[in-house]
C-alpha atoms as a PDB file:
ATOM      1  CA  UNK A   1      -0.421 158.457 -73.674  1.00  0.00           C
ATOM      2  CA  UNK A   2       0.026 161.306 -71.213  1.00  0.00           C
ATOM      3  CA  UNK A   3      -1.855 160.425 -68.017  1.00  0.00           C
ATOM      4  CA  UNK A   4      -1.543 163.997 -66.739  1.00  0.00           C
ATOM      5  CA  UNK A   5      -3.954 165.363 -69.336  1.00  0.00           C
ATOM      6  CA  UNK A   6      -7.649 165.175 -68.568  1.00  0.00           C
ATOM      7  CA  UNK A   7     -10.026 165.558 -71.514  1.00  0.00           C
ATOM      8  CA  UNK A   8     -13.690 166.518 -71.187  1.00  0.00           C
ATOM      9  CA  UNK A   9     -16.111 164.546 -73.352  1.00  0.00           C
ATOM     10  CA  UNK A  10     -19.352 166.119 -74.526  1.00  0.00           C
ATOM     11  CA  UNK A  11     -22.089 164.620 -76.677  1.00  0.00           C
ATOM     12  CA  UNK A  12     -24.633 166.833 -78.438  1.00  0.00           C
ATOM     13  CA  UNK A  13     -28.005 166.690 -76.720  1.00  0.00           C
ATOM     14  CA  UNK A  14     -26.719 164.864 -73.633  1.00  0.00           C
ATOM     15  CA  UNK A  15     -25.066 167.698 -71.736  1.00  0.00           C
ATOM     16  CA  UNK A  16     -26.030 169.097 -68.368  1.00  0.00           C
ATOM     17  CA  UNK A  17     -27.680 172.283 -69.599  1.00  0.00           C
ATOM     18  CA  UNK A  18     -25.920 175.442 -68.486  1.00  0.00           C
ATOM     19  CA  UNK A  19     -23.901 173.609 -65.840  1.00  0.00           C
ATOM     20  CA  UNK A  20     -20.134 173.441 -66.435  1.00  0.00           C
ATOM     21  CA  UNK A  21     -20.132 169.617 -66.311  1.00  0.00           C
ATOM     22  CA  UNK A  22     -19.052 167.380 -69.207  1.00  0.00           C
ATOM     23  CA  UNK A  23     -20.802 164.118 -70.111  1.00  0.00           C
ATOM     24  CA  UNK A  24     -17.582 162.289 -69.213  1.00  0.00           C
ATOM     25  CA  UNK A  25     -13.942 162.783 -68.450  1.00  0.00           C
ATOM     26  CA  UNK A  26     -11.024 160.758 -69.808  1.00  0.00           C
ATOM     27  CA  UNK A  27      -7.487 160.417 -68.525  1.00  0.00           C
ATOM     28  CA  UNK A  28      -5.300 158.002 -70.446  1.00  0.00           C
ATOM     29  CA  UNK A  29      -7.362 154.855 -71.019  1.00  0.00           C
ATOM     30  CA  UNK A  30      -9.804 155.617 -68.179  1.00  0.00           C
ATOM     31  CA  UNK A  31     -13.300 157.068 -68.697  1.00  0.00           C
ATOM     32  CA  UNK A  32     -15.713 158.255 -65.990  1.00  0.00           C
ATOM     33  CA  UNK A  33     -19.155 159.471 -66.955  1.00  0.00           C
ATOM     34  CA  UNK A  34     -21.236 162.034 -65.173  1.00  0.00           C
ATOM     35  CA  UNK A  35     -24.919 161.361 -64.623  1.00  0.00           C
ATOM     36  CA  UNK A  36     -26.498 159.717 -67.685  1.00  0.00           C
ATOM     37  CA  UNK A  37     -30.242 160.311 -68.075  1.00  0.00           C
ATOM     38  CA  UNK A  38     -32.893 158.666 -70.186  1.00  0.00           C
ATOM     39  CA  UNK A  39     -33.425 161.704 -72.385  1.00  0.00           C
ATOM     40  CA  UNK A  40     -33.843 161.760 -76.156  1.00  0.00           C
ATOM     41  CA  UNK A  41     -30.759 163.565 -77.487  1.00  0.00           C
ATOM     42  CA  UNK A  42     -32.694 165.013 -80.437  1.00  0.00           C
ATOM     43  CA  UNK A  43     -35.877 166.226 -78.728  1.00  0.00           C
ATOM     44  CA  UNK A  44     -34.442 166.712 -75.211  1.00  0.00           C
ATOM     45  CA  UNK A  45     -37.574 164.982 -73.833  1.00  0.00           C
ATOM     46  CA  UNK A  46     -37.755 162.143 -71.332  1.00  0.00           C
ATOM     47  CA  UNK A  47     -40.353 159.425 -71.767  1.00  0.00           C
ATOM     48  CA  UNK A  48     -42.858 159.305 -68.890  1.00  0.00           C
ATOM     49  CA  UNK A  49     -42.230 155.586 -68.231  1.00  0.00           C
ATOM     50  CA  UNK A  50     -39.290 153.772 -66.684  1.00  0.00           C
ATOM     51  CA  UNK A  51     -38.864 151.378 -69.632  1.00  0.00           C
ATOM     52  CA  UNK A  52     -38.520 154.261 -72.096  1.00  0.00           C
ATOM     53  CA  UNK A  53     -36.110 156.160 -69.871  1.00  0.00           C
ATOM     54  CA  UNK A  54     -34.042 153.050 -69.198  1.00  0.00           C
ATOM     55  CA  UNK A  55     -33.643 152.240 -72.903  1.00  0.00           C
ATOM     56  CA  UNK A  56     -32.530 155.786 -73.650  1.00  0.00           C
ATOM     57  CA  UNK A  57     -30.237 155.866 -70.602  1.00  0.00           C
ATOM     58  CA  UNK A  58     -28.303 152.823 -71.811  1.00  0.00           C
ATOM     59  CA  UNK A  59     -28.263 154.131 -75.389  1.00  0.00           C
ATOM     60  CA  UNK A  60     -26.888 157.447 -74.111  1.00  0.00           C
ATOM     61  CA  UNK A  61     -24.316 155.620 -71.989  1.00  0.00           C
ATOM     62  CA  UNK A  62     -23.065 153.821 -75.100  1.00  0.00           C
ATOM     63  CA  UNK A  63     -22.901 157.122 -77.045  1.00  0.00           C
ATOM     64  CA  UNK A  64     -20.900 158.829 -74.302  1.00  0.00           C
ATOM     65  CA  UNK A  65     -18.421 155.967 -73.873  1.00  0.00           C
ATOM     66  CA  UNK A  66     -17.940 155.729 -77.646  1.00  0.00           C
ATOM     67  CA  UNK A  67     -17.452 159.514 -77.913  1.00  0.00           C
ATOM     68  CA  UNK A  68     -14.673 159.161 -75.355  1.00  0.00           C
ATOM     69  CA  UNK A  69     -12.983 156.568 -77.576  1.00  0.00           C
ATOM     70  CA  UNK A  70     -14.156 153.483 -75.717  1.00  0.00           C
ATOM     71  CA  UNK A  71     -16.727 150.772 -76.167  1.00  0.00           C
ATOM     72  CA  UNK A  72     -19.233 148.938 -73.987  1.00  0.00           C
ATOM     73  CA  UNK A  73     -16.699 146.096 -73.701  1.00  0.00           C
ATOM     74  CA  UNK A  74     -14.544 148.421 -71.577  1.00  0.00           C
ATOM     75  CA  UNK A  75     -17.261 149.353 -69.069  1.00  0.00           C
ATOM     76  CA  UNK A  76     -16.345 147.737 -65.760  1.00  0.00           C
ATOM     77  CA  UNK A  77     -18.652 149.440 -63.223  1.00  0.00           C
ATOM     78  CA  UNK A  78     -22.145 150.961 -63.491  1.00  0.00           C
ATOM     79  CA  UNK A  79     -24.012 152.668 -60.674  1.00  0.00           C
ATOM     80  CA  UNK A  80     -27.740 153.188 -61.211  1.00  0.00           C
ATOM     81  CA  UNK A  81     -30.135 155.354 -59.216  1.00  0.00           C
ATOM     82  CA  UNK A  82     -33.821 154.495 -59.350  1.00  0.00           C
ATOM     83  CA  UNK A  83     -36.854 156.445 -58.159  1.00  0.00           C
ATOM     84  CA  UNK A  84     -38.937 153.301 -57.680  1.00  0.00           C
ATOM     85  CA  UNK A  85     -38.059 149.630 -57.032  1.00  0.00           C
ATOM     86  CA  UNK A  86     -40.177 148.627 -60.032  1.00  0.00           C
ATOM     87  CA  UNK A  87     -37.421 150.036 -62.261  1.00  0.00           C
ATOM     88  CA  UNK A  88     -35.280 146.940 -61.691  1.00  0.00           C
ATOM     89  CA  UNK A  89     -37.219 144.839 -64.216  1.00  0.00           C
ATOM     90  CA  UNK A  90     -36.705 147.417 -66.989  1.00  0.00           C
ATOM     91  CA  UNK A  91     -33.051 147.783 -66.036  1.00  0.00           C
ATOM     92  CA  UNK A  92     -32.452 144.028 -66.166  1.00  0.00           C
ATOM     93  CA  UNK A  93     -34.142 143.788 -69.571  1.00  0.00           C
ATOM     94  CA  UNK A  94     -31.930 146.509 -71.083  1.00  0.00           C
ATOM     95  CA  UNK A  95     -28.856 145.299 -69.158  1.00  0.00           C
ATOM     96  CA  UNK A  96     -28.802 141.918 -70.894  1.00  0.00           C
ATOM     97  CA  UNK A  97     -29.244 143.643 -74.279  1.00  0.00           C
ATOM     98  CA  UNK A  98     -26.220 145.875 -73.689  1.00  0.00           C
ATOM     99  CA  UNK A  99     -24.165 143.159 -71.957  1.00  0.00           C
ATOM    100  CA  UNK A 100     -25.406 139.851 -73.418  1.00  0.00           C
ATOM    101  CA  UNK A 101     -22.546 137.628 -72.201  1.00  0.00           C
ATOM    102  CA  UNK A 102     -23.055 136.554 -68.554  1.00  0.00           C
ATOM    103  CA  UNK A 103     -19.298 135.945 -68.167  1.00  0.00           C
ATOM    104  CA  UNK A 104     -18.490 139.483 -69.337  1.00  0.00           C
ATOM    105  CA  UNK A 105     -20.775 141.929 -67.554  1.00  0.00           C
ATOM    106  CA  UNK A 106     -19.620 144.924 -65.534  1.00  0.00           C
ATOM    107  CA  UNK A 107     -20.161 145.251 -61.826  1.00  0.00           C
ATOM    108  CA  UNK A 108     -23.434 147.018 -61.026  1.00  0.00           C
ATOM    109  CA  UNK A 109     -24.898 148.760 -58.015  1.00  0.00           C
ATOM    110  CA  UNK A 110     -28.483 150.068 -57.794  1.00  0.00           C
ATOM    111  CA  UNK A 111     -29.588 152.675 -55.249  1.00  0.00           C
ATOM    112  CA  UNK A 112     -33.051 154.016 -54.491  1.00  0.00           C
ATOM    113  CA  UNK A 113     -33.016 157.807 -54.727  1.00  0.00           C
ATOM    114  CA  UNK A 114     -35.390 160.719 -55.179  1.00  0.00           C
ATOM    115  CA  UNK A 115     -34.414 161.892 -58.664  1.00  0.00           C
ATOM    116  CA  UNK A 116     -35.259 165.415 -59.893  1.00  0.00           C
ATOM    117  CA  UNK A 117     -37.211 166.601 -62.912  1.00  0.00           C
ATOM    118  CA  UNK A 118     -39.241 163.515 -63.745  1.00  0.00           C
ATOM    119  CA  UNK A 119     -36.234 161.211 -63.915  1.00  0.00           C
ATOM    120  CA  UNK A 120     -37.011 157.621 -62.980  1.00  0.00           C
ATOM    121  CA  UNK A 121     -33.492 156.242 -63.621  1.00  0.00           C
ATOM    122  CA  UNK A 122     -29.987 157.652 -63.921  1.00  0.00           C
ATOM    123  CA  UNK A 123     -26.585 156.004 -64.131  1.00  0.00           C
ATOM    124  CA  UNK A 124     -22.882 156.656 -64.190  1.00  0.00           C
ATOM    125  CA  UNK A 125     -20.114 154.350 -65.361  1.00  0.00           C
ATOM    126  CA  UNK A 126     -16.406 153.692 -65.237  1.00  0.00           C
ATOM    127  CA  UNK A 127     -14.672 152.288 -68.303  1.00  0.00           C
ATOM    128  CA  UNK A 128     -11.268 151.606 -69.720  1.00  0.00           C
ATOM    129  CA  UNK A 129     -10.360 151.895 -73.396  1.00  0.00           C
ATOM    130  CA  UNK A 130      -9.392 148.385 -74.468  1.00  0.00           C
END
């Protein structure tokens, strides 16, 4: 694999609007996502609640990583921004669904942040294609 070639990864319905930003970027076996929102890829709507947004965010994360040629098993770091501390419970619930094995979960960091446009959660991830 040529490590000098960067490839943009886009997923229908999960892009960044008119901004020139891909959903992810891949170089060799390494994948880095951009911001992943809890938006429905078909309707382009975000649920009004943190649980709904969190479920979609992790579903969208999986779709982006898989579109880049990886899998959730290769995710090694996730950073999550939350608009309210109450989001942690919803995140933990979805986290154990996506990463059920306690001995094989990625590193995670959560930051409180004022998110735009009704977002209650957003994440980004680093992965390697295994």
